[in-house]
């Protein structure tokens, strides 16, 4: 009866599912969400149908939890998707808007739905799952990086606004994570032949990095740490690589950071862009 109530968006697999499971083990009563609701076998938490791109869907799911429990103590905004490596000019405006509608505005919708109830109770915790790309942009994933930069700016501002109301907002920033998220990335919808060789090389490099990457349980443990932290910070990296990248970004000269990113992605050895046929 004294369990705290948590909502975790994008909880059907990957980081969201792992976070929901770990929070349930930590004593939270968890409601996970996905666009399709409950699927698969039994879980340690209940799944609700929720589409973060729909105001009506967000309101309905949040109201359902409030009607059942009378409170929401923790919101974990995890729902989102990535884009396979591609040049910025290979993604249409429609695709760009879709990325932001889920990755950024989906978070905003959830915050707007939950914060009034937390404010009236005088307490609450919001955890937004960001990425190292929220502080260290990576070439050829410009739109995803931009959506995470927007999340970071919004979250930092929001934490300053809400902490006087007893509500804290934190970001969790992982690096490469081996999960179904990476297998369901959007492809560029206006692909250009000039970038085909470069795209292939980048996809191979990302695939190699994922083979030795942490699993989603690493991020889930960070989420629980943030949820239980008596004096939460705004930012938490998750995993050893993310921690090293944060230090690099903070203390290394910009030119050195950029060179390191390009070297890691093997961009220096990529062939010149394929010329457009006449």
C-alpha atoms as a PDB file:
ATOM      1  CA  UNK A   1       0.000   0.000   0.000  1.00  0.00           C
ATOM      2  CA  UNK A   2       2.981   2.315   0.542  1.00  0.00           C
ATOM      3  CA  UNK A   3       4.636   1.613  -2.809  1.00  0.00           C
ATOM      4  CA  UNK A   4       5.561   4.632  -4.866  1.00  0.00           C
ATOM      5  CA  UNK A   5       3.944   4.817  -8.304  1.00  0.00           C
ATOM      6  CA  UNK A   6       6.069   5.053 -11.449  1.00  0.00           C
ATOM      7  CA  UNK A   7       5.303   5.438 -15.150  1.00  0.00           C
ATOM      8  CA  UNK A   8       7.949   4.302 -17.645  1.00  0.00           C
ATOM      9  CA  UNK A   9       7.324   5.109 -21.304  1.00  0.00           C
ATOM     10  CA  UNK A  10       8.678   2.887 -24.056  1.00  0.00           C
ATOM     11  CA  UNK A  11       8.764  -0.098 -21.696  1.00  0.00           C
ATOM     12  CA  UNK A  12       8.025  -2.919 -24.149  1.00  0.00           C
ATOM     13  CA  UNK A  13      11.719  -3.724 -24.607  1.00  0.00           C
ATOM     14  CA  UNK A  14      15.267  -2.497 -24.157  1.00  0.00           C
ATOM     15  CA  UNK A  15      16.085   0.256 -21.673  1.00  0.00           C
ATOM     16  CA  UNK A  16      12.451   0.939 -20.824  1.00  0.00           C
ATOM     17  CA  UNK A  17      11.659  -2.670 -19.985  1.00  0.00           C
ATOM     18  CA  UNK A  18      14.855  -3.084 -17.953  1.00  0.00           C
ATOM     19  CA  UNK A  19      14.200   0.155 -16.058  1.00  0.00           C
ATOM     20  CA  UNK A  20      10.610  -0.859 -15.283  1.00  0.00           C
ATOM     21  CA  UNK A  21      11.761  -4.251 -14.015  1.00  0.00           C
ATOM     22  CA  UNK A  22      14.510  -2.787 -11.826  1.00  0.00           C
ATOM     23  CA  UNK A  23      12.171  -0.159 -10.391  1.00  0.00           C
ATOM     24  CA  UNK A  24       9.645  -2.884  -9.551  1.00  0.00           C
ATOM     25  CA  UNK A  25      12.394  -4.801  -7.733  1.00  0.00           C
ATOM     26  CA  UNK A  26      13.257  -1.599  -5.860  1.00  0.00           C
ATOM     27  CA  UNK A  27       9.707  -1.412  -4.512  1.00  0.00           C
ATOM     28  CA  UNK A  28       7.894   0.788  -7.010  1.00  0.00           C
ATOM     29  CA  UNK A  29       4.535  -0.116  -8.466  1.00  0.00           C
ATOM     30  CA  UNK A  30       5.318   0.404 -12.135  1.00  0.00           C
ATOM     31  CA  UNK A  31       3.121   1.107 -15.113  1.00  0.00           C
ATOM     32  CA  UNK A  32       5.016   0.612 -18.340  1.00  0.00           C
ATOM     33  CA  UNK A  33       3.714   1.999 -21.593  1.00  0.00           C
ATOM     34  CA  UNK A  34       4.024   1.374 -25.298  1.00  0.00           C
ATOM     35  CA  UNK A  35       1.924   2.179 -28.333  1.00  0.00           C
ATOM     36  CA  UNK A  36       0.552  -1.383 -28.390  1.00  0.00           C
ATOM     37  CA  UNK A  37       0.087  -1.866 -24.656  1.00  0.00           C
ATOM     38  CA  UNK A  38       0.478  -5.296 -23.079  1.00  0.00           C
ATOM     39  CA  UNK A  39       2.197  -7.903 -25.257  1.00  0.00           C
ATOM     40  CA  UNK A  40       4.266 -11.005 -24.654  1.00  0.00           C
ATOM     41  CA  UNK A  41       4.534 -12.949 -21.431  1.00  0.00           C
ATOM     42  CA  UNK A  42       4.068 -11.973 -17.781  1.00  0.00           C
ATOM     43  CA  UNK A  43       6.020  -9.005 -16.431  1.00  0.00           C
ATOM     44  CA  UNK A  44       6.811  -7.539 -13.041  1.00  0.00           C
ATOM     45  CA  UNK A  45       4.810  -4.470 -14.038  1.00  0.00           C
ATOM     46  CA  UNK A  46       1.588  -3.646 -15.851  1.00  0.00           C
ATOM     47  CA  UNK A  47       1.641  -2.359 -19.425  1.00  0.00           C
ATOM     48  CA  UNK A  48      -0.662   0.377 -20.692  1.00  0.00           C
ATOM     49  CA  UNK A  49      -1.273   1.575 -24.236  1.00  0.00           C
ATOM     50  CA  UNK A  50       0.163   5.047 -24.757  1.00  0.00           C
ATOM     51  CA  UNK A  51       1.300   6.928 -27.857  1.00  0.00           C
ATOM     52  CA  UNK A  52       3.497   9.833 -26.769  1.00  0.00           C
ATOM     53  CA  UNK A  53       2.778  11.666 -30.042  1.00  0.00           C
ATOM     54  CA  UNK A  54      -0.922  11.956 -29.129  1.00  0.00           C
ATOM     55  CA  UNK A  55      -2.201  14.450 -26.552  1.00  0.00           C
ATOM     56  CA  UNK A  56      -5.361  12.390 -26.057  1.00  0.00           C
ATOM     57  CA  UNK A  57      -3.460   9.116 -25.586  1.00  0.00           C
ATOM     58  CA  UNK A  58      -1.101  10.687 -23.044  1.00  0.00           C
ATOM     59  CA  UNK A  59      -3.975  12.207 -21.076  1.00  0.00           C
ATOM     60  CA  UNK A  60      -5.936   8.948 -21.080  1.00  0.00           C
ATOM     61  CA  UNK A  61      -3.011   6.846 -19.793  1.00  0.00           C
ATOM     62  CA  UNK A  62      -2.002   9.319 -17.087  1.00  0.00           C
ATOM     63  CA  UNK A  63      -5.615   9.682 -15.931  1.00  0.00           C
ATOM     64  CA  UNK A  64      -5.950   5.893 -15.807  1.00  0.00           C
ATOM     65  CA  UNK A  65      -2.994   5.640 -13.431  1.00  0.00           C
ATOM     66  CA  UNK A  66      -4.283   8.507 -11.301  1.00  0.00           C
ATOM     67  CA  UNK A  67      -7.743   6.957 -11.059  1.00  0.00           C
ATOM     68  CA  UNK A  68      -6.235   3.677  -9.895  1.00  0.00           C
ATOM     69  CA  UNK A  69      -3.516   4.963  -7.598  1.00  0.00           C
ATOM     70  CA  UNK A  70      -4.327   8.590  -6.817  1.00  0.00           C
ATOM     71  CA  UNK A  71      -0.687   9.612  -7.320  1.00  0.00           C
ATOM     72  CA  UNK A  72       2.349   9.483  -9.590  1.00  0.00           C
ATOM     73  CA  UNK A  73       5.716   9.703  -7.846  1.00  0.00           C
ATOM     74  CA  UNK A  74       8.081   9.010 -10.726  1.00  0.00           C
ATOM     75  CA  UNK A  75       7.983   9.540 -14.485  1.00  0.00           C
ATOM     76  CA  UNK A  76      10.677   7.967 -16.670  1.00  0.00           C
ATOM     77  CA  UNK A  77      10.579   9.355 -20.209  1.00  0.00           C
ATOM     78  CA  UNK A  78      12.229   6.690 -22.324  1.00  0.00           C
ATOM     79  CA  UNK A  79      10.033   6.436 -25.443  1.00  0.00           C
ATOM     80  CA  UNK A  80      11.897   7.401 -28.587  1.00  0.00           C
ATOM     81  CA  UNK A  81      13.647   6.118 -31.656  1.00  0.00           C
ATOM     82  CA  UNK A  82      16.933   6.581 -33.440  1.00  0.00           C
ATOM     83  CA  UNK A  83      17.937   7.137 -37.025  1.00  0.00           C
ATOM     84  CA  UNK A  84      20.479   5.055 -38.887  1.00  0.00           C
ATOM     85  CA  UNK A  85      23.639   7.015 -39.796  1.00  0.00           C
ATOM     86  CA  UNK A  86      22.963   9.360 -42.686  1.00  0.00           C
ATOM     87  CA  UNK A  87      23.830  12.844 -43.841  1.00  0.00           C
ATOM     88  CA  UNK A  88      21.542  15.558 -42.552  1.00  0.00           C
ATOM     89  CA  UNK A  89      20.365  16.385 -46.070  1.00  0.00           C
ATOM     90  CA  UNK A  90      19.130  12.808 -46.554  1.00  0.00           C
ATOM     91  CA  UNK A  91      16.253  13.231 -44.097  1.00  0.00           C
ATOM     92  CA  UNK A  92      13.093  15.034 -45.173  1.00  0.00           C
ATOM     93  CA  UNK A  93      11.353  17.672 -43.091  1.00  0.00           C
ATOM     94  CA  UNK A  94       8.636  15.112 -42.417  1.00  0.00           C
ATOM     95  CA  UNK A  95      11.177  12.706 -40.939  1.00  0.00           C
ATOM     96  CA  UNK A  96      12.784  15.491 -38.915  1.00  0.00           C
ATOM     97  CA  UNK A  97       9.413  16.446 -37.462  1.00  0.00           C
ATOM     98  CA  UNK A  98       8.641  12.789 -36.665  1.00  0.00           C
ATOM     99  CA  UNK A  99      11.885  12.426 -34.717  1.00  0.00           C
ATOM    100  CA  UNK A 100      11.186  15.504 -32.641  1.00  0.00           C
ATOM    101  CA  UNK A 101       7.518  14.644 -32.160  1.00  0.00           C
ATOM    102  CA  UNK A 102       8.511  11.420 -30.404  1.00  0.00           C
ATOM    103  CA  UNK A 103      11.922  12.089 -28.871  1.00  0.00           C
ATOM    104  CA  UNK A 104      11.289  15.636 -27.668  1.00  0.00           C
ATOM    105  CA  UNK A 105       7.635  16.624 -27.821  1.00  0.00           C
ATOM    106  CA  UNK A 106       6.605  13.178 -26.544  1.00  0.00           C
ATOM    107  CA  UNK A 107       8.584  13.934 -23.386  1.00  0.00           C
ATOM    108  CA  UNK A 108       7.019  17.395 -23.174  1.00  0.00           C
ATOM    109  CA  UNK A 109       3.513  15.908 -23.433  1.00  0.00           C
ATOM    110  CA  UNK A 110       4.224  13.493 -20.603  1.00  0.00           C
ATOM    111  CA  UNK A 111       5.687  16.227 -18.406  1.00  0.00           C
ATOM    112  CA  UNK A 112       2.707  18.502 -19.002  1.00  0.00           C
ATOM    113  CA  UNK A 113       0.324  15.688 -18.075  1.00  0.00           C
ATOM    114  CA  UNK A 114       2.120  14.613 -14.895  1.00  0.00           C
ATOM    115  CA  UNK A 115       3.588  17.778 -13.375  1.00  0.00           C
ATOM    116  CA  UNK A 116       0.286  19.352 -12.207  1.00  0.00           C
ATOM    117  CA  UNK A 117      -0.408  16.293 -10.040  1.00  0.00           C
ATOM    118  CA  UNK A 118       3.141  16.211  -8.663  1.00  0.00           C
ATOM    119  CA  UNK A 119       2.993  19.940  -7.945  1.00  0.00           C
ATOM    120  CA  UNK A 120      -0.233  19.615  -5.980  1.00  0.00           C
ATOM    121  CA  UNK A 121       1.360  16.844  -3.888  1.00  0.00           C
ATOM    122  CA  UNK A 122       4.540  18.868  -3.454  1.00  0.00           C
ATOM    123  CA  UNK A 123       6.819  16.031  -4.565  1.00  0.00           C
ATOM    124  CA  UNK A 124       7.872  14.020  -7.584  1.00  0.00           C
ATOM    125  CA  UNK A 125      10.773  12.851  -9.703  1.00  0.00           C
ATOM    126  CA  UNK A 126      11.178  13.001 -13.498  1.00  0.00           C
ATOM    127  CA  UNK A 127      13.959  11.094 -15.261  1.00  0.00           C
ATOM    128  CA  UNK A 128      14.535  11.728 -18.953  1.00  0.00           C
ATOM    129  CA  UNK A 129      16.586   9.160 -20.879  1.00  0.00           C
ATOM    130  CA  UNK A 130      18.966  11.185 -22.993  1.00  0.00           C
ATOM    131  CA  UNK A 131      22.265  10.117 -24.594  1.00  0.00           C
ATOM    132  CA  UNK A 132      25.900  11.116 -24.755  1.00  0.00           C
ATOM    133  CA  UNK A 133      24.820  12.651 -28.068  1.00  0.00           C
ATOM    134  CA  UNK A 134      22.920  15.172 -25.960  1.00  0.00           C
ATOM    135  CA  UNK A 135      26.261  16.748 -24.995  1.00  0.00           C
ATOM    136  CA  UNK A 136      28.624  15.376 -27.661  1.00  0.00           C
ATOM    137  CA  UNK A 137      27.107  15.603 -31.169  1.00  0.00           C
ATOM    138  CA  UNK A 138      28.019  12.858 -33.607  1.00  0.00           C
ATOM    139  CA  UNK A 139      28.253  13.535 -37.333  1.00  0.00           C
ATOM    140  CA  UNK A 140      25.690  11.792 -39.526  1.00  0.00           C
ATOM    141  CA  UNK A 141      23.130  11.557 -36.737  1.00  0.00           C
ATOM    142  CA  UNK A 142      22.376  15.281 -36.649  1.00  0.00           C
ATOM    143  CA  UNK A 143      18.631  15.049 -36.068  1.00  0.00           C
ATOM    144  CA  UNK A 144      18.894  12.507 -33.263  1.00  0.00           C
ATOM    145  CA  UNK A 145      21.658  14.559 -31.639  1.00  0.00           C
ATOM    146  CA  UNK A 146      19.506  17.672 -31.974  1.00  0.00           C
ATOM    147  CA  UNK A 147      16.509  15.978 -30.347  1.00  0.00           C
ATOM    148  CA  UNK A 148      18.656  14.963 -27.366  1.00  0.00           C
ATOM    149  CA  UNK A 149      20.202  18.442 -27.103  1.00  0.00           C
ATOM    150  CA  UNK A 150      16.663  19.830 -26.958  1.00  0.00           C
ATOM    151  CA  UNK A 151      15.780  17.326 -24.239  1.00  0.00           C
ATOM    152  CA  UNK A 152      18.827  18.358 -22.211  1.00  0.00           C
ATOM    153  CA  UNK A 153      18.109  22.081 -22.416  1.00  0.00           C
ATOM    154  CA  UNK A 154      14.452  21.565 -21.538  1.00  0.00           C
ATOM    155  CA  UNK A 155      15.273  19.271 -18.624  1.00  0.00           C
ATOM    156  CA  UNK A 156      17.846  21.587 -17.091  1.00  0.00           C
ATOM    157  CA  UNK A 157      15.461  24.536 -17.297  1.00  0.00           C
ATOM    158  CA  UNK A 158      12.591  22.445 -15.953  1.00  0.00           C
ATOM    159  CA  UNK A 159      14.588  21.282 -12.957  1.00  0.00           C
ATOM    160  CA  UNK A 160      15.316  24.884 -12.028  1.00  0.00           C
ATOM    161  CA  UNK A 161      11.615  25.709 -12.297  1.00  0.00           C
ATOM    162  CA  UNK A 162      10.234  22.756 -10.368  1.00  0.00           C
ATOM    163  CA  UNK A 163      12.685  22.128  -7.555  1.00  0.00           C
ATOM    164  CA  UNK A 164      10.959  24.799  -5.434  1.00  0.00           C
ATOM    165  CA  UNK A 165       7.774  22.724  -5.859  1.00  0.00           C
ATOM    166  CA  UNK A 166       9.432  19.590  -4.467  1.00  0.00           C
ATOM    167  CA  UNK A 167       9.966  18.077  -7.933  1.00  0.00           C
ATOM    168  CA  UNK A 168      13.373  17.206  -9.384  1.00  0.00           C
ATOM    169  CA  UNK A 169      14.275  16.523 -13.019  1.00  0.00           C
ATOM    170  CA  UNK A 170      17.317  14.482 -14.064  1.00  0.00           C
ATOM    171  CA  UNK A 171      18.891  13.228 -17.272  1.00  0.00           C
ATOM    172  CA  UNK A 172      20.439   9.795 -17.799  1.00  0.00           C
ATOM    173  CA  UNK A 173      23.052   9.768 -20.567  1.00  0.00           C
ATOM    174  CA  UNK A 174      24.190   6.360 -21.890  1.00  0.00           C
ATOM    175  CA  UNK A 175      26.541   5.717 -24.806  1.00  0.00           C
ATOM    176  CA  UNK A 176      26.178   2.679 -27.088  1.00  0.00           C
ATOM    177  CA  UNK A 177      23.638   0.247 -25.624  1.00  0.00           C
ATOM    178  CA  UNK A 178      22.965  -3.180 -27.086  1.00  0.00           C
ATOM    179  CA  UNK A 179      19.167  -3.350 -27.293  1.00  0.00           C
ATOM    180  CA  UNK A 180      16.298  -3.697 -29.795  1.00  0.00           C
ATOM    181  CA  UNK A 181      16.315   0.121 -30.025  1.00  0.00           C
ATOM    182  CA  UNK A 182      19.306  -0.063 -32.347  1.00  0.00           C
ATOM    183  CA  UNK A 183      17.633  -2.678 -34.532  1.00  0.00           C
ATOM    184  CA  UNK A 184      14.575  -0.491 -35.161  1.00  0.00           C
ATOM    185  CA  UNK A 185      16.182   2.717 -36.323  1.00  0.00           C
ATOM    186  CA  UNK A 186      14.593   4.833 -39.028  1.00  0.00           C
ATOM    187  CA  UNK A 187      16.318   4.910 -42.382  1.00  0.00           C
ATOM    188  CA  UNK A 188      16.907   8.176 -44.236  1.00  0.00           C
ATOM    189  CA  UNK A 189      13.922   8.790 -46.516  1.00  0.00           C
ATOM    190  CA  UNK A 190      15.782  10.870 -49.130  1.00  0.00           C
ATOM    191  CA  UNK A 191      18.981   8.829 -49.439  1.00  0.00           C
ATOM    192  CA  UNK A 192      21.566  10.140 -51.892  1.00  0.00           C
ATOM    193  CA  UNK A 193      23.970   7.996 -53.898  1.00  0.00           C
ATOM    194  CA  UNK A 194      26.817  10.359 -53.002  1.00  0.00           C
ATOM    195  CA  UNK A 195      26.688   9.164 -49.393  1.00  0.00           C
ATOM    196  CA  UNK A 196      26.123   5.449 -49.957  1.00  0.00           C
ATOM    197  CA  UNK A 197      29.725   4.327 -49.319  1.00  0.00           C
ATOM    198  CA  UNK A 198      30.045   6.559 -46.280  1.00  0.00           C
ATOM    199  CA  UNK A 199      26.737   5.316 -44.869  1.00  0.00           C
ATOM    200  CA  UNK A 200      27.839   1.709 -45.270  1.00  0.00           C
ATOM    201  CA  UNK A 201      31.101   2.405 -43.452  1.00  0.00           C
ATOM    202  CA  UNK A 202      29.365   4.153 -40.576  1.00  0.00           C
ATOM    203  CA  UNK A 203      26.788   1.393 -40.180  1.00  0.00           C
ATOM    204  CA  UNK A 204      29.602  -1.161 -39.982  1.00  0.00           C
ATOM    205  CA  UNK A 205      31.427   0.893 -37.339  1.00  0.00           C
ATOM    206  CA  UNK A 206      28.265   1.281 -35.223  1.00  0.00           C
ATOM    207  CA  UNK A 207      27.569  -2.450 -35.529  1.00  0.00           C
ATOM    208  CA  UNK A 208      31.080  -3.212 -34.278  1.00  0.00           C
ATOM    209  CA  UNK A 209      30.673  -0.828 -31.339  1.00  0.00           C
ATOM    210  CA  UNK A 210      27.372  -2.420 -30.348  1.00  0.00           C
ATOM    211  CA  UNK A 211      28.904  -5.897 -30.202  1.00  0.00           C
ATOM    212  CA  UNK A 212      30.900  -4.904 -27.105  1.00  0.00           C
ATOM    213  CA  UNK A 213      28.391  -2.395 -25.726  1.00  0.00           C
ATOM    214  CA  UNK A 214      26.682  -2.496 -22.341  1.00  0.00           C
ATOM    215  CA  UNK A 215      23.208  -3.992 -22.091  1.00  0.00           C
ATOM    216  CA  UNK A 216      20.114  -2.030 -21.064  1.00  0.00           C
ATOM    217  CA  UNK A 217      20.399  -3.251 -17.463  1.00  0.00           C
ATOM    218  CA  UNK A 218      23.312  -0.818 -16.994  1.00  0.00           C
ATOM    219  CA  UNK A 219      21.030   2.120 -17.762  1.00  0.00           C
ATOM    220  CA  UNK A 220      18.269   0.596 -15.649  1.00  0.00           C
ATOM    221  CA  UNK A 221      20.573   0.545 -12.629  1.00  0.00           C
ATOM    222  CA  UNK A 222      21.341   4.219 -13.181  1.00  0.00           C
ATOM    223  CA  UNK A 223      17.617   4.997 -13.364  1.00  0.00           C
ATOM    224  CA  UNK A 224      17.050   3.323  -9.984  1.00  0.00           C
ATOM    225  CA  UNK A 225      20.041   5.189  -8.547  1.00  0.00           C
ATOM    226  CA  UNK A 226      18.579   8.518  -9.688  1.00  0.00           C
ATOM    227  CA  UNK A 227      15.098   7.636  -8.461  1.00  0.00           C
ATOM    228  CA  UNK A 228      16.411   6.843  -4.979  1.00  0.00           C
ATOM    229  CA  UNK A 229      19.030   9.608  -4.735  1.00  0.00           C
ATOM    230  CA  UNK A 230      18.164  11.917  -1.832  1.00  0.00           C
ATOM    231  CA  UNK A 231      19.999  14.810  -3.514  1.00  0.00           C
ATOM    232  CA  UNK A 232      19.631  14.181  -7.251  1.00  0.00           C
ATOM    233  CA  UNK A 233      21.837  15.840  -9.839  1.00  0.00           C
ATOM    234  CA  UNK A 234      20.601  17.066 -13.197  1.00  0.00           C
ATOM    235  CA  UNK A 235      22.908  14.783 -15.207  1.00  0.00           C
ATOM    236  CA  UNK A 236      24.062  11.193 -14.756  1.00  0.00           C
ATOM    237  CA  UNK A 237      26.160   9.346 -17.298  1.00  0.00           C
ATOM    238  CA  UNK A 238      25.486   5.612 -17.507  1.00  0.00           C
ATOM    239  CA  UNK A 239      28.277   3.160 -18.245  1.00  0.00           C
ATOM    240  CA  UNK A 240      32.051   3.553 -18.350  1.00  0.00           C
ATOM    241  CA  UNK A 241      32.223   4.837 -21.936  1.00  0.00           C
ATOM    242  CA  UNK A 242      29.646   7.544 -21.283  1.00  0.00           C
ATOM    243  CA  UNK A 243      31.622   8.671 -18.226  1.00  0.00           C
ATOM    244  CA  UNK A 244      34.840   8.931 -20.234  1.00  0.00           C
ATOM    245  CA  UNK A 245      33.107  10.905 -22.976  1.00  0.00           C
ATOM    246  CA  UNK A 246      31.656  13.348 -20.440  1.00  0.00           C
ATOM    247  CA  UNK A 247      35.148  14.011 -19.054  1.00  0.00           C
ATOM    248  CA  UNK A 248      36.559  14.364 -22.560  1.00  0.00           C
ATOM    249  CA  UNK A 249      33.874  16.850 -23.535  1.00  0.00           C
ATOM    250  CA  UNK A 250      34.385  18.840 -20.354  1.00  0.00           C
ATOM    251  CA  UNK A 251      38.161  19.102 -20.232  1.00  0.00           C
ATOM    252  CA  UNK A 252      39.639  18.403 -23.692  1.00  0.00           C
ATOM    253  CA  UNK A 253      40.060  21.103 -26.364  1.00  0.00           C
ATOM    254  CA  UNK A 254      37.257  21.112 -28.937  1.00  0.00           C
ATOM    255  CA  UNK A 255      39.625  20.309 -31.813  1.00  0.00           C
ATOM    256  CA  UNK A 256      40.915  17.238 -29.966  1.00  0.00           C
ATOM    257  CA  UNK A 257      37.372  16.034 -29.217  1.00  0.00           C
ATOM    258  CA  UNK A 258      36.315  16.461 -32.843  1.00  0.00           C
ATOM    259  CA  UNK A 259      39.393  14.630 -34.096  1.00  0.00           C
ATOM    260  CA  UNK A 260      38.727  11.781 -31.668  1.00  0.00           C
ATOM    261  CA  UNK A 261      35.117  11.438 -32.808  1.00  0.00           C
ATOM    262  CA  UNK A 262      36.119  11.361 -36.459  1.00  0.00           C
ATOM    263  CA  UNK A 263      38.873   8.848 -35.784  1.00  0.00           C
ATOM    264  CA  UNK A 264      36.516   6.572 -33.863  1.00  0.00           C
ATOM    265  CA  UNK A 265      34.019   6.680 -36.734  1.00  0.00           C
ATOM    266  CA  UNK A 266      36.858   6.180 -39.255  1.00  0.00           C
ATOM    267  CA  UNK A 267      35.784   9.243 -41.153  1.00  0.00           C
ATOM    268  CA  UNK A 268      39.366  10.272 -41.857  1.00  0.00           C
ATOM    269  CA  UNK A 269      39.835   7.131 -43.961  1.00  0.00           C
ATOM    270  CA  UNK A 270      36.443   7.266 -45.690  1.00  0.00           C
ATOM    271  CA  UNK A 271      36.560   7.661 -49.480  1.00  0.00           C
ATOM    272  CA  UNK A 272      35.509  10.937 -50.993  1.00  0.00           C
ATOM    273  CA  UNK A 273      31.808  11.333 -51.665  1.00  0.00           C
ATOM    274  CA  UNK A 274      30.665   9.535 -54.772  1.00  0.00           C
ATOM    275  CA  UNK A 275      30.038  12.154 -57.479  1.00  0.00           C
ATOM    276  CA  UNK A 276      26.533  12.527 -58.807  1.00  0.00           C
ATOM    277  CA  UNK A 277      26.038  11.024 -62.237  1.00  0.00           C
ATOM    278  CA  UNK A 278      25.586  13.576 -65.002  1.00  0.00           C
END
